[in-house]
N, C-alpha and C. Protein backbone atom coordinates (compact mmCIF):
# COMPACT_ATOMS: atom_id res chain seq x y z
N MET A 1 -17.70 21.57 -1.82
CA MET A 1 -16.51 20.83 -2.23
C MET A 1 -16.91 19.44 -2.73
N SER A 2 -16.42 19.06 -3.88
CA SER A 2 -16.67 17.72 -4.41
C SER A 2 -15.52 16.81 -4.01
N PHE A 3 -15.77 15.50 -4.04
CA PHE A 3 -14.76 14.55 -3.58
C PHE A 3 -14.45 13.52 -4.66
N ASN A 4 -13.19 13.09 -4.69
CA ASN A 4 -12.73 12.12 -5.67
C ASN A 4 -12.88 10.68 -5.20
N SER A 5 -13.20 10.50 -3.90
CA SER A 5 -13.33 9.15 -3.34
C SER A 5 -14.07 9.22 -2.01
N GLU A 6 -14.52 8.06 -1.53
CA GLU A 6 -15.18 8.00 -0.22
C GLU A 6 -14.18 8.31 0.89
N GLN A 7 -12.89 8.03 0.66
CA GLN A 7 -11.88 8.33 1.66
C GLN A 7 -11.73 9.84 1.84
N GLU A 8 -11.77 10.59 0.74
CA GLU A 8 -11.69 12.05 0.85
C GLU A 8 -12.87 12.60 1.64
N GLN A 9 -14.06 12.10 1.38
CA GLN A 9 -15.25 12.58 2.08
C GLN A 9 -15.16 12.28 3.58
N PHE A 10 -14.64 11.09 3.92
CA PHE A 10 -14.49 10.71 5.32
C PHE A 10 -13.60 11.69 6.05
N TRP A 11 -12.45 12.04 5.45
CA TRP A 11 -11.51 12.93 6.13
C TRP A 11 -11.96 14.38 6.11
N ALA A 12 -12.68 14.77 5.11
CA ALA A 12 -13.14 16.16 5.03
C ALA A 12 -14.34 16.42 5.93
N LYS A 13 -15.19 15.42 6.08
CA LYS A 13 -16.45 15.63 6.78
C LYS A 13 -16.63 14.75 8.01
N THR A 14 -16.72 13.44 7.79
CA THR A 14 -17.13 12.51 8.84
C THR A 14 -16.23 12.55 10.07
N TYR A 15 -14.91 12.51 9.85
CA TYR A 15 -13.99 12.33 10.96
C TYR A 15 -13.21 13.59 11.32
N ALA A 16 -13.49 14.68 10.67
CA ALA A 16 -12.66 15.89 10.83
C ALA A 16 -12.62 16.40 12.26
N GLU A 17 -13.78 16.63 12.85
CA GLU A 17 -13.84 17.19 14.20
C GLU A 17 -13.25 16.23 15.23
N ASP A 18 -13.55 14.94 15.09
CA ASP A 18 -13.04 13.95 16.03
C ASP A 18 -11.53 13.90 16.02
N TYR A 19 -10.93 14.00 14.83
CA TYR A 19 -9.48 13.93 14.73
C TYR A 19 -8.83 15.12 15.44
N ILE A 20 -9.40 16.29 15.28
CA ILE A 20 -8.86 17.48 15.94
C ILE A 20 -8.87 17.31 17.45
N LYS A 21 -9.96 16.78 17.99
CA LYS A 21 -10.08 16.58 19.43
C LYS A 21 -9.06 15.58 19.96
N LYS A 22 -8.78 14.54 19.16
CA LYS A 22 -7.90 13.47 19.61
C LYS A 22 -6.42 13.76 19.37
N ASN A 23 -6.10 14.79 18.62
CA ASN A 23 -4.72 15.02 18.21
C ASN A 23 -4.28 16.46 18.40
N SER A 24 -4.47 16.97 19.59
CA SER A 24 -4.16 18.38 19.82
C SER A 24 -2.97 18.62 20.74
N GLU A 25 -2.41 17.55 21.35
CA GLU A 25 -1.30 17.73 22.28
C GLU A 25 -0.14 16.82 21.87
N PHE A 26 1.03 17.44 21.61
CA PHE A 26 2.19 16.67 21.21
C PHE A 26 3.45 17.24 21.85
N ASP A 27 4.49 16.41 21.92
CA ASP A 27 5.81 16.84 22.35
C ASP A 27 6.55 17.36 21.11
N HIS A 28 6.47 18.66 20.89
CA HIS A 28 7.03 19.22 19.66
C HIS A 28 8.56 19.23 19.65
N LYS A 29 9.17 19.32 20.82
CA LYS A 29 10.64 19.27 20.87
C LYS A 29 11.13 17.89 20.42
N LEU A 30 10.48 16.85 20.91
CA LEU A 30 10.82 15.49 20.48
C LEU A 30 10.56 15.33 18.98
N GLY A 31 9.44 15.88 18.52
CA GLY A 31 9.12 15.81 17.10
C GLY A 31 10.13 16.52 16.23
N SER A 32 10.63 17.66 16.71
CA SER A 32 11.62 18.41 15.93
C SER A 32 12.92 17.61 15.81
N GLU A 33 13.26 16.85 16.84
CA GLU A 33 14.46 16.00 16.78
C GLU A 33 14.28 14.91 15.73
N ALA A 34 13.06 14.37 15.64
CA ALA A 34 12.77 13.37 14.60
C ALA A 34 12.90 13.98 13.21
N TRP A 35 12.40 15.19 13.04
CA TRP A 35 12.49 15.85 11.74
C TRP A 35 13.94 16.16 11.36
N LYS A 36 14.74 16.57 12.31
CA LYS A 36 16.16 16.82 12.02
C LYS A 36 16.84 15.54 11.54
N LYS A 37 16.47 14.41 12.15
CA LYS A 37 17.02 13.12 11.74
C LYS A 37 16.57 12.77 10.32
N MET A 38 15.27 12.96 10.04
CA MET A 38 14.75 12.61 8.73
C MET A 38 15.33 13.47 7.62
N LEU A 39 15.64 14.72 7.93
CA LEU A 39 16.10 15.66 6.91
C LEU A 39 17.61 15.88 6.92
N GLN A 40 18.32 15.05 7.65
CA GLN A 40 19.76 15.21 7.78
C GLN A 40 20.47 15.23 6.44
N GLU A 41 20.02 14.39 5.50
CA GLU A 41 20.70 14.29 4.21
C GLU A 41 20.36 15.43 3.24
N THR A 42 19.50 16.35 3.65
CA THR A 42 19.25 17.53 2.82
C THR A 42 20.32 18.60 3.06
N HIS A 43 21.09 18.44 4.15
CA HIS A 43 22.22 19.32 4.46
C HIS A 43 21.84 20.81 4.43
N GLY A 44 20.71 21.11 5.05
CA GLY A 44 20.28 22.50 5.15
C GLY A 44 19.71 23.07 3.87
N GLY A 45 19.37 22.22 2.92
CA GLY A 45 18.91 22.70 1.62
C GLY A 45 17.42 22.92 1.49
N VAL A 46 16.70 22.94 2.60
CA VAL A 46 15.24 23.15 2.56
C VAL A 46 14.93 24.56 3.02
N LYS A 47 14.56 25.41 2.07
CA LYS A 47 14.22 26.81 2.39
C LYS A 47 12.71 27.02 2.39
N ASN A 48 11.98 26.12 1.74
CA ASN A 48 10.52 26.15 1.80
C ASN A 48 10.01 24.72 1.63
N PHE A 49 8.80 24.48 2.07
CA PHE A 49 8.26 23.13 1.97
C PHE A 49 6.74 23.15 1.86
N LEU A 50 6.21 22.05 1.34
CA LEU A 50 4.77 21.86 1.19
C LEU A 50 4.37 20.57 1.89
N GLU A 51 3.45 20.67 2.85
CA GLU A 51 2.90 19.47 3.48
C GLU A 51 1.55 19.15 2.84
N CYS A 52 1.45 17.96 2.30
CA CYS A 52 0.21 17.49 1.70
C CYS A 52 -0.60 16.73 2.75
N GLY A 53 -1.60 17.39 3.30
CA GLY A 53 -2.41 16.80 4.36
C GLY A 53 -1.87 17.15 5.73
N CYS A 54 -1.95 18.41 6.11
CA CYS A 54 -1.32 18.87 7.36
C CYS A 54 -2.19 18.70 8.59
N ASN A 55 -3.50 18.48 8.40
CA ASN A 55 -4.47 18.48 9.48
C ASN A 55 -4.27 19.71 10.37
N ILE A 56 -4.11 19.54 11.70
CA ILE A 56 -4.06 20.71 12.57
C ILE A 56 -2.66 21.30 12.73
N GLY A 57 -1.69 20.76 11.98
CA GLY A 57 -0.38 21.42 11.94
C GLY A 57 0.67 20.90 12.90
N ARG A 58 0.55 19.63 13.31
CA ARG A 58 1.56 19.07 14.21
C ARG A 58 2.96 19.17 13.59
N ASN A 59 3.08 18.76 12.33
CA ASN A 59 4.39 18.81 11.68
C ASN A 59 4.86 20.24 11.44
N ILE A 60 3.93 21.14 11.21
CA ILE A 60 4.28 22.56 11.04
C ILE A 60 4.94 23.08 12.31
N GLU A 61 4.35 22.77 13.47
CA GLU A 61 4.91 23.19 14.76
C GLU A 61 6.32 22.63 14.94
N GLN A 62 6.50 21.37 14.61
CA GLN A 62 7.78 20.72 14.83
C GLN A 62 8.83 21.20 13.84
N LEU A 63 8.42 21.46 12.61
CA LEU A 63 9.36 21.97 11.61
C LEU A 63 9.75 23.43 11.87
N LYS A 64 8.91 24.16 12.59
CA LYS A 64 9.29 25.51 13.02
C LYS A 64 10.54 25.47 13.88
N LEU A 65 10.66 24.40 14.68
CA LEU A 65 11.83 24.23 15.53
C LEU A 65 13.00 23.64 14.74
N ALA A 66 12.70 22.68 13.86
CA ALA A 66 13.75 22.01 13.10
C ALA A 66 14.30 22.85 11.96
N LEU A 67 13.39 23.60 11.29
CA LEU A 67 13.76 24.45 10.15
C LEU A 67 13.16 25.84 10.35
N PRO A 68 13.68 26.61 11.30
CA PRO A 68 13.05 27.88 11.66
C PRO A 68 12.98 28.91 10.54
N ASN A 69 13.83 28.78 9.53
CA ASN A 69 13.86 29.76 8.44
C ASN A 69 13.14 29.29 7.18
N ALA A 70 12.59 28.09 7.21
CA ALA A 70 11.91 27.55 6.03
C ALA A 70 10.45 27.99 6.01
N LYS A 71 9.98 28.42 4.85
CA LYS A 71 8.61 28.91 4.71
C LYS A 71 7.67 27.76 4.38
N PRO A 72 6.59 27.57 5.18
CA PRO A 72 5.67 26.46 4.93
C PRO A 72 4.51 26.81 4.00
N SER A 73 4.05 25.80 3.29
CA SER A 73 2.78 25.85 2.55
C SER A 73 2.05 24.55 2.86
N ILE A 74 0.72 24.56 2.70
CA ILE A 74 -0.05 23.37 3.08
C ILE A 74 -1.19 23.09 2.10
N ILE A 75 -1.60 21.82 2.08
CA ILE A 75 -2.85 21.37 1.49
C ILE A 75 -3.58 20.60 2.57
N GLU A 76 -4.84 20.93 2.82
CA GLU A 76 -5.63 20.23 3.83
C GLU A 76 -7.08 20.14 3.40
N ILE A 77 -7.62 18.93 3.40
CA ILE A 77 -8.97 18.69 2.90
C ILE A 77 -10.06 19.03 3.91
N SER A 78 -9.75 18.92 5.19
CA SER A 78 -10.75 19.17 6.24
C SER A 78 -10.88 20.67 6.53
N GLU A 79 -12.07 21.21 6.37
CA GLU A 79 -12.26 22.64 6.62
C GLU A 79 -12.02 23.02 8.08
N PRO A 80 -12.52 22.25 9.08
CA PRO A 80 -12.22 22.60 10.47
C PRO A 80 -10.72 22.60 10.76
N ALA A 81 -10.01 21.59 10.26
CA ALA A 81 -8.56 21.54 10.48
C ALA A 81 -7.86 22.69 9.77
N PHE A 82 -8.31 23.00 8.55
CA PHE A 82 -7.71 24.10 7.78
C PHE A 82 -7.89 25.43 8.52
N LYS A 83 -9.07 25.67 9.05
CA LYS A 83 -9.30 26.91 9.80
C LYS A 83 -8.44 26.95 11.06
N PHE A 84 -8.31 25.81 11.71
CA PHE A 84 -7.50 25.70 12.93
C PHE A 84 -6.04 26.06 12.64
N VAL A 85 -5.47 25.45 11.61
CA VAL A 85 -4.04 25.63 11.36
C VAL A 85 -3.72 26.98 10.75
N THR A 86 -4.58 27.49 9.89
CA THR A 86 -4.30 28.79 9.27
C THR A 86 -4.49 29.95 10.25
N ALA A 87 -5.23 29.72 11.32
CA ALA A 87 -5.39 30.75 12.36
C ALA A 87 -4.14 30.85 13.23
N ARG A 88 -3.30 29.81 13.18
CA ARG A 88 -2.13 29.74 14.06
C ARG A 88 -0.79 29.92 13.37
N HIS A 89 -0.79 29.81 12.04
CA HIS A 89 0.48 29.87 11.32
C HIS A 89 0.36 30.75 10.08
N ASP A 90 1.50 31.26 9.66
CA ASP A 90 1.59 32.08 8.46
C ASP A 90 2.15 31.21 7.33
N PHE A 91 1.38 31.06 6.25
CA PHE A 91 1.79 30.19 5.15
C PHE A 91 2.02 31.00 3.88
N ALA A 92 2.98 30.54 3.09
CA ALA A 92 3.18 31.14 1.78
C ALA A 92 1.95 30.87 0.92
N LYS A 93 1.48 29.60 0.93
CA LYS A 93 0.25 29.21 0.24
C LYS A 93 -0.48 28.20 1.08
N ALA A 94 -1.80 28.27 1.08
CA ALA A 94 -2.62 27.32 1.84
C ALA A 94 -3.86 27.01 1.02
N TYR A 95 -4.09 25.72 0.82
CA TYR A 95 -5.22 25.28 0.00
C TYR A 95 -6.11 24.35 0.80
N ASN A 96 -7.40 24.70 0.89
CA ASN A 96 -8.39 23.85 1.55
C ASN A 96 -9.11 23.02 0.49
N GLY A 97 -8.71 21.77 0.38
CA GLY A 97 -9.30 20.89 -0.61
C GLY A 97 -8.47 19.63 -0.75
N ALA A 98 -8.83 18.81 -1.72
CA ALA A 98 -8.13 17.55 -1.95
C ALA A 98 -6.78 17.78 -2.63
N ILE A 99 -5.83 16.93 -2.34
CA ILE A 99 -4.51 17.03 -2.97
C ILE A 99 -4.64 16.98 -4.48
N LEU A 100 -5.48 16.08 -4.98
CA LEU A 100 -5.64 15.94 -6.43
C LEU A 100 -6.26 17.16 -7.08
N ASP A 101 -7.01 17.95 -6.32
CA ASP A 101 -7.65 19.14 -6.87
C ASP A 101 -6.79 20.39 -6.73
N SER A 102 -5.67 20.28 -6.03
CA SER A 102 -4.78 21.43 -5.84
C SER A 102 -4.07 21.76 -7.16
N ASP A 103 -3.65 23.01 -7.27
CA ASP A 103 -3.03 23.46 -8.51
C ASP A 103 -1.91 24.44 -8.19
N PHE A 104 -0.90 23.98 -7.46
CA PHE A 104 0.25 24.81 -7.13
C PHE A 104 1.24 24.80 -8.30
N GLU A 105 2.14 25.74 -8.29
CA GLU A 105 3.16 25.80 -9.33
C GLU A 105 4.11 24.61 -9.21
N LYS A 106 4.42 23.99 -10.33
CA LYS A 106 5.30 22.83 -10.32
C LYS A 106 6.72 23.23 -9.95
N ALA A 107 7.41 22.28 -9.30
CA ALA A 107 8.82 22.44 -8.92
C ALA A 107 9.07 23.73 -8.14
N SER A 108 8.16 24.04 -7.21
CA SER A 108 8.28 25.29 -6.47
C SER A 108 8.64 25.10 -4.99
N TYR A 109 8.85 23.83 -4.56
CA TYR A 109 9.16 23.58 -3.15
C TYR A 109 10.40 22.70 -3.02
N ASP A 110 11.29 23.11 -2.14
CA ASP A 110 12.49 22.30 -1.88
C ASP A 110 12.11 20.93 -1.35
N LEU A 111 11.06 20.89 -0.53
CA LEU A 111 10.62 19.63 0.07
C LEU A 111 9.10 19.54 -0.01
N VAL A 112 8.61 18.39 -0.46
CA VAL A 112 7.18 18.08 -0.42
C VAL A 112 7.05 16.78 0.37
N PHE A 113 6.10 16.73 1.31
CA PHE A 113 6.01 15.53 2.12
C PHE A 113 4.58 15.21 2.56
N THR A 114 4.40 13.93 2.88
CA THR A 114 3.21 13.46 3.62
C THR A 114 3.70 12.76 4.87
N MET A 115 2.87 12.78 5.90
CA MET A 115 3.15 12.07 7.14
C MET A 115 1.84 11.46 7.63
N GLY A 116 1.66 10.18 7.36
CA GLY A 116 0.42 9.51 7.77
C GLY A 116 -0.77 9.95 6.95
N VAL A 117 -0.58 10.18 5.66
CA VAL A 117 -1.66 10.62 4.77
C VAL A 117 -1.93 9.62 3.66
N LEU A 118 -0.87 9.13 3.02
CA LEU A 118 -1.06 8.19 1.91
C LEU A 118 -1.73 6.89 2.37
N ILE A 119 -1.60 6.55 3.64
CA ILE A 119 -2.27 5.35 4.17
C ILE A 119 -3.79 5.46 4.09
N HIS A 120 -4.28 6.68 3.97
CA HIS A 120 -5.73 6.89 3.93
C HIS A 120 -6.26 7.19 2.52
N ILE A 121 -5.37 7.09 1.53
CA ILE A 121 -5.75 7.39 0.15
C ILE A 121 -6.27 6.12 -0.54
N ASN A 122 -7.32 6.28 -1.35
CA ASN A 122 -7.81 5.17 -2.15
C ASN A 122 -6.65 4.61 -2.98
N PRO A 123 -6.36 3.31 -2.86
CA PRO A 123 -5.22 2.73 -3.59
C PRO A 123 -5.25 2.99 -5.10
N ASP A 124 -6.44 3.09 -5.67
CA ASP A 124 -6.54 3.35 -7.11
C ASP A 124 -6.06 4.75 -7.48
N GLN A 125 -5.97 5.64 -6.48
CA GLN A 125 -5.55 7.02 -6.72
C GLN A 125 -4.17 7.32 -6.13
N LEU A 126 -3.52 6.30 -5.62
CA LEU A 126 -2.26 6.52 -4.90
C LEU A 126 -1.17 7.09 -5.80
N LEU A 127 -0.99 6.52 -6.98
CA LEU A 127 0.05 7.02 -7.88
C LEU A 127 -0.24 8.44 -8.36
N ASP A 128 -1.51 8.78 -8.49
CA ASP A 128 -1.88 10.15 -8.87
C ASP A 128 -1.45 11.14 -7.78
N HIS A 129 -1.62 10.73 -6.52
CA HIS A 129 -1.19 11.59 -5.41
C HIS A 129 0.33 11.71 -5.38
N MET A 130 1.01 10.61 -5.58
CA MET A 130 2.47 10.65 -5.60
C MET A 130 2.99 11.51 -6.75
N LYS A 131 2.30 11.46 -7.89
CA LYS A 131 2.70 12.28 -9.03
C LYS A 131 2.59 13.77 -8.69
N LYS A 132 1.53 14.15 -8.00
CA LYS A 132 1.38 15.55 -7.56
C LYS A 132 2.56 15.96 -6.69
N MET A 133 2.91 15.11 -5.74
CA MET A 133 4.02 15.41 -4.85
C MET A 133 5.32 15.56 -5.63
N PHE A 134 5.55 14.63 -6.55
CA PHE A 134 6.76 14.66 -7.37
C PHE A 134 6.83 15.96 -8.19
N GLU A 135 5.71 16.34 -8.77
CA GLU A 135 5.68 17.54 -9.63
C GLU A 135 5.85 18.82 -8.82
N TYR A 136 5.31 18.87 -7.62
CA TYR A 136 5.42 20.08 -6.81
C TYR A 136 6.83 20.27 -6.25
N SER A 137 7.57 19.18 -6.13
CA SER A 137 8.90 19.24 -5.53
C SER A 137 9.96 19.77 -6.51
N ARG A 138 10.81 20.61 -5.99
CA ARG A 138 11.98 21.06 -6.74
C ARG A 138 13.14 20.09 -6.55
N LYS A 139 13.20 19.48 -5.36
CA LYS A 139 14.36 18.65 -5.06
C LYS A 139 14.03 17.40 -4.23
N TYR A 140 13.38 17.57 -3.07
CA TYR A 140 13.20 16.46 -2.15
C TYR A 140 11.72 16.08 -1.98
N VAL A 141 11.49 14.78 -1.80
CA VAL A 141 10.17 14.26 -1.42
C VAL A 141 10.37 13.33 -0.23
N LEU A 142 9.59 13.56 0.81
CA LEU A 142 9.63 12.68 1.97
C LEU A 142 8.26 12.07 2.19
N ILE A 143 8.25 10.76 2.38
CA ILE A 143 7.01 10.02 2.62
C ILE A 143 7.14 9.30 3.96
N GLY A 144 6.21 9.53 4.88
CA GLY A 144 6.21 8.86 6.17
C GLY A 144 4.86 8.18 6.39
N GLU A 145 4.83 6.85 6.39
CA GLU A 145 3.56 6.12 6.44
C GLU A 145 3.71 4.80 7.20
N TYR A 146 2.59 4.12 7.47
CA TYR A 146 2.64 2.77 8.02
C TYR A 146 3.13 1.81 6.93
N PHE A 147 3.94 0.84 7.34
CA PHE A 147 4.58 -0.05 6.37
C PHE A 147 4.04 -1.48 6.44
N ASN A 148 3.89 -2.08 5.27
CA ASN A 148 3.67 -3.51 5.13
C ASN A 148 4.26 -3.93 3.80
N ARG A 149 4.89 -5.08 3.74
CA ARG A 149 5.57 -5.47 2.49
C ARG A 149 4.58 -5.71 1.36
N THR A 150 3.39 -6.18 1.70
CA THR A 150 2.34 -6.36 0.70
C THR A 150 1.16 -5.47 1.06
N PRO A 151 0.43 -4.93 0.06
CA PRO A 151 -0.70 -4.05 0.35
C PRO A 151 -1.77 -4.76 1.18
N VAL A 152 -2.27 -4.06 2.20
CA VAL A 152 -3.31 -4.62 3.05
C VAL A 152 -4.24 -3.50 3.50
N SER A 153 -5.53 -3.79 3.63
CA SER A 153 -6.51 -2.82 4.11
C SER A 153 -6.91 -3.19 5.52
N LEU A 154 -6.91 -2.21 6.43
CA LEU A 154 -7.26 -2.42 7.82
C LEU A 154 -8.45 -1.55 8.22
N GLU A 155 -9.16 -2.00 9.24
CA GLU A 155 -10.26 -1.19 9.77
C GLU A 155 -9.67 0.00 10.53
N TYR A 156 -10.30 1.15 10.38
CA TYR A 156 -9.82 2.36 11.06
C TYR A 156 -10.99 3.04 11.75
N GLN A 157 -10.90 3.15 13.08
CA GLN A 157 -11.97 3.76 13.87
C GLN A 157 -13.33 3.15 13.53
N GLY A 158 -13.34 1.82 13.35
CA GLY A 158 -14.57 1.12 13.04
C GLY A 158 -15.02 1.22 11.60
N GLU A 159 -14.21 1.86 10.74
CA GLU A 159 -14.57 2.06 9.34
C GLU A 159 -13.70 1.18 8.44
N LYS A 160 -14.30 0.58 7.45
CA LYS A 160 -13.55 -0.22 6.48
C LYS A 160 -13.04 0.65 5.33
N ASP A 161 -11.94 0.21 4.72
CA ASP A 161 -11.35 0.88 3.55
C ASP A 161 -10.97 2.33 3.84
N LYS A 162 -10.47 2.59 5.05
CA LYS A 162 -10.00 3.93 5.39
C LYS A 162 -8.53 3.95 5.77
N LEU A 163 -7.89 2.76 5.85
CA LEU A 163 -6.47 2.70 6.17
C LEU A 163 -5.83 1.57 5.37
N PHE A 164 -4.79 1.92 4.62
CA PHE A 164 -4.12 0.96 3.75
C PHE A 164 -2.61 0.99 4.02
N LYS A 165 -2.05 -0.16 4.32
CA LYS A 165 -0.60 -0.27 4.55
C LYS A 165 0.05 -0.96 3.35
N ARG A 166 1.28 -0.52 3.03
CA ARG A 166 2.03 -1.13 1.94
C ARG A 166 3.45 -0.60 1.98
N ASP A 167 4.28 -0.97 1.03
CA ASP A 167 5.62 -0.41 0.89
C ASP A 167 5.53 0.82 -0.01
N PHE A 168 5.21 1.95 0.60
CA PHE A 168 5.04 3.20 -0.16
C PHE A 168 6.36 3.65 -0.80
N GLY A 169 7.46 3.42 -0.09
CA GLY A 169 8.75 3.83 -0.61
C GLY A 169 9.11 3.10 -1.90
N LYS A 170 8.88 1.80 -1.92
CA LYS A 170 9.17 1.01 -3.12
C LYS A 170 8.31 1.47 -4.29
N LEU A 171 7.03 1.72 -4.03
CA LEU A 171 6.12 2.18 -5.08
C LEU A 171 6.59 3.50 -5.67
N PHE A 172 7.02 4.41 -4.81
CA PHE A 172 7.47 5.72 -5.29
C PHE A 172 8.77 5.57 -6.09
N LEU A 173 9.69 4.78 -5.57
CA LEU A 173 10.99 4.60 -6.21
C LEU A 173 10.85 3.96 -7.59
N GLU A 174 9.88 3.05 -7.73
CA GLU A 174 9.71 2.33 -8.99
C GLU A 174 8.96 3.13 -10.06
N ASN A 175 8.30 4.22 -9.66
CA ASN A 175 7.45 4.93 -10.61
C ASN A 175 7.89 6.36 -10.92
N PHE A 176 8.92 6.86 -10.22
CA PHE A 176 9.34 8.24 -10.44
C PHE A 176 10.86 8.33 -10.49
N GLU A 177 11.36 9.35 -11.18
CA GLU A 177 12.79 9.54 -11.37
C GLU A 177 13.40 10.16 -10.11
N VAL A 178 13.67 9.31 -9.14
CA VAL A 178 14.23 9.76 -7.87
C VAL A 178 15.30 8.77 -7.41
N LYS A 179 16.13 9.23 -6.50
CA LYS A 179 17.06 8.32 -5.82
C LYS A 179 16.80 8.40 -4.32
N LEU A 180 16.99 7.29 -3.64
CA LEU A 180 16.78 7.21 -2.20
C LEU A 180 17.97 7.81 -1.48
N LEU A 181 17.72 8.80 -0.62
CA LEU A 181 18.78 9.42 0.17
C LEU A 181 18.89 8.79 1.55
N ASP A 182 17.73 8.46 2.14
CA ASP A 182 17.73 7.95 3.50
C ASP A 182 16.37 7.34 3.81
N TYR A 183 16.32 6.53 4.84
CA TYR A 183 15.05 5.97 5.30
C TYR A 183 15.20 5.58 6.76
N GLY A 184 14.08 5.37 7.44
CA GLY A 184 14.17 5.00 8.85
C GLY A 184 12.82 4.67 9.44
N PHE A 185 12.82 4.43 10.73
CA PHE A 185 11.63 4.01 11.47
C PHE A 185 11.53 4.83 12.74
N LEU A 186 10.37 5.44 12.96
CA LEU A 186 10.13 6.20 14.17
C LEU A 186 9.32 5.32 15.13
N TRP A 187 10.03 4.63 15.99
CA TRP A 187 9.45 3.66 16.90
C TRP A 187 8.51 4.36 17.89
N GLY A 188 7.28 3.87 17.95
CA GLY A 188 6.28 4.48 18.82
C GLY A 188 6.68 4.51 20.28
N GLN A 189 7.47 3.52 20.71
CA GLN A 189 7.92 3.48 22.11
C GLN A 189 8.62 4.78 22.50
N ILE A 190 9.28 5.40 21.53
CA ILE A 190 9.98 6.66 21.77
C ILE A 190 9.19 7.85 21.24
N TYR A 191 8.61 7.68 20.04
CA TYR A 191 8.08 8.85 19.33
C TYR A 191 6.57 9.03 19.37
N ASP A 192 5.85 8.16 20.06
CA ASP A 192 4.40 8.36 20.19
C ASP A 192 4.04 9.74 20.77
N PRO A 193 4.76 10.24 21.80
CA PRO A 193 4.41 11.57 22.34
C PRO A 193 4.50 12.69 21.30
N ALA A 194 5.31 12.47 20.25
CA ALA A 194 5.42 13.46 19.18
C ALA A 194 4.42 13.22 18.07
N GLY A 195 3.67 12.11 18.16
CA GLY A 195 2.60 11.83 17.21
C GLY A 195 2.98 10.98 16.02
N PHE A 196 4.14 10.30 16.06
CA PHE A 196 4.59 9.58 14.87
C PHE A 196 4.10 8.13 14.77
N ASP A 197 3.92 7.44 15.90
CA ASP A 197 3.13 6.21 15.88
C ASP A 197 3.67 5.13 14.92
N ASP A 198 4.93 4.72 15.11
CA ASP A 198 5.51 3.63 14.31
C ASP A 198 5.50 3.91 12.80
N ILE A 199 6.01 5.05 12.44
CA ILE A 199 6.05 5.47 11.03
C ILE A 199 7.36 5.04 10.38
N VAL A 200 7.27 4.50 9.17
CA VAL A 200 8.44 4.27 8.33
C VAL A 200 8.54 5.44 7.35
N TRP A 201 9.72 6.01 7.20
CA TRP A 201 9.88 7.17 6.32
C TRP A 201 10.98 6.95 5.29
N TRP A 202 10.80 7.61 4.16
CA TRP A 202 11.77 7.57 3.06
C TRP A 202 12.01 9.00 2.59
N LEU A 203 13.27 9.34 2.37
CA LEU A 203 13.63 10.64 1.80
C LEU A 203 14.22 10.42 0.41
N PHE A 204 13.59 11.05 -0.59
CA PHE A 204 14.02 10.92 -1.98
C PHE A 204 14.51 12.25 -2.52
N GLU A 205 15.41 12.17 -3.47
CA GLU A 205 15.86 13.34 -4.22
C GLU A 205 15.54 13.14 -5.69
N LYS A 206 14.99 14.15 -6.33
CA LYS A 206 14.68 14.07 -7.75
C LYS A 206 15.97 14.00 -8.56
N ARG A 207 15.96 13.15 -9.58
CA ARG A 207 17.15 13.00 -10.45
C ARG A 207 17.25 14.16 -11.45
């Protein structure tokens, strides 16, 4: 597998096994309640979805409870995580590789989302990743990431240039033909057991 950035290589190789070990236990019932809140404005209109960067499938587990009839598809760059999640779930489509290298059919998913993924993307490639999400979506795009009003790079697990905070919602809204349906904050004091860790989320609908 070739990589488009040092960040992709880090997540595919360097940190893959460690992340699986550190992120294997969650409160999925609590997580499903968070997902129901985030997707409330879709009014039951999500029959299938694509997660860009699913890792070991925490969101897949929680969406099984929140959207039991919706068919999942995934993109995951880490081979260990991909093997882990595909052994446990049935997917319409599953791609082991970088989001930018994926080639799914355009406008084929009711919902396309990231949850704690864009924060790890090289900022120079961020709009390219958002464009992929926009193109894959038939109707809704949800972005859940760490928020900062101005772009900032933070150290992550002792590594530089592996975590970037910014206003992802504003960037998406200003560059793509969408309208904002809803947004919110998953406070870690309540939602850490579900794995959300102070995430700000935005739900968009394509115009």
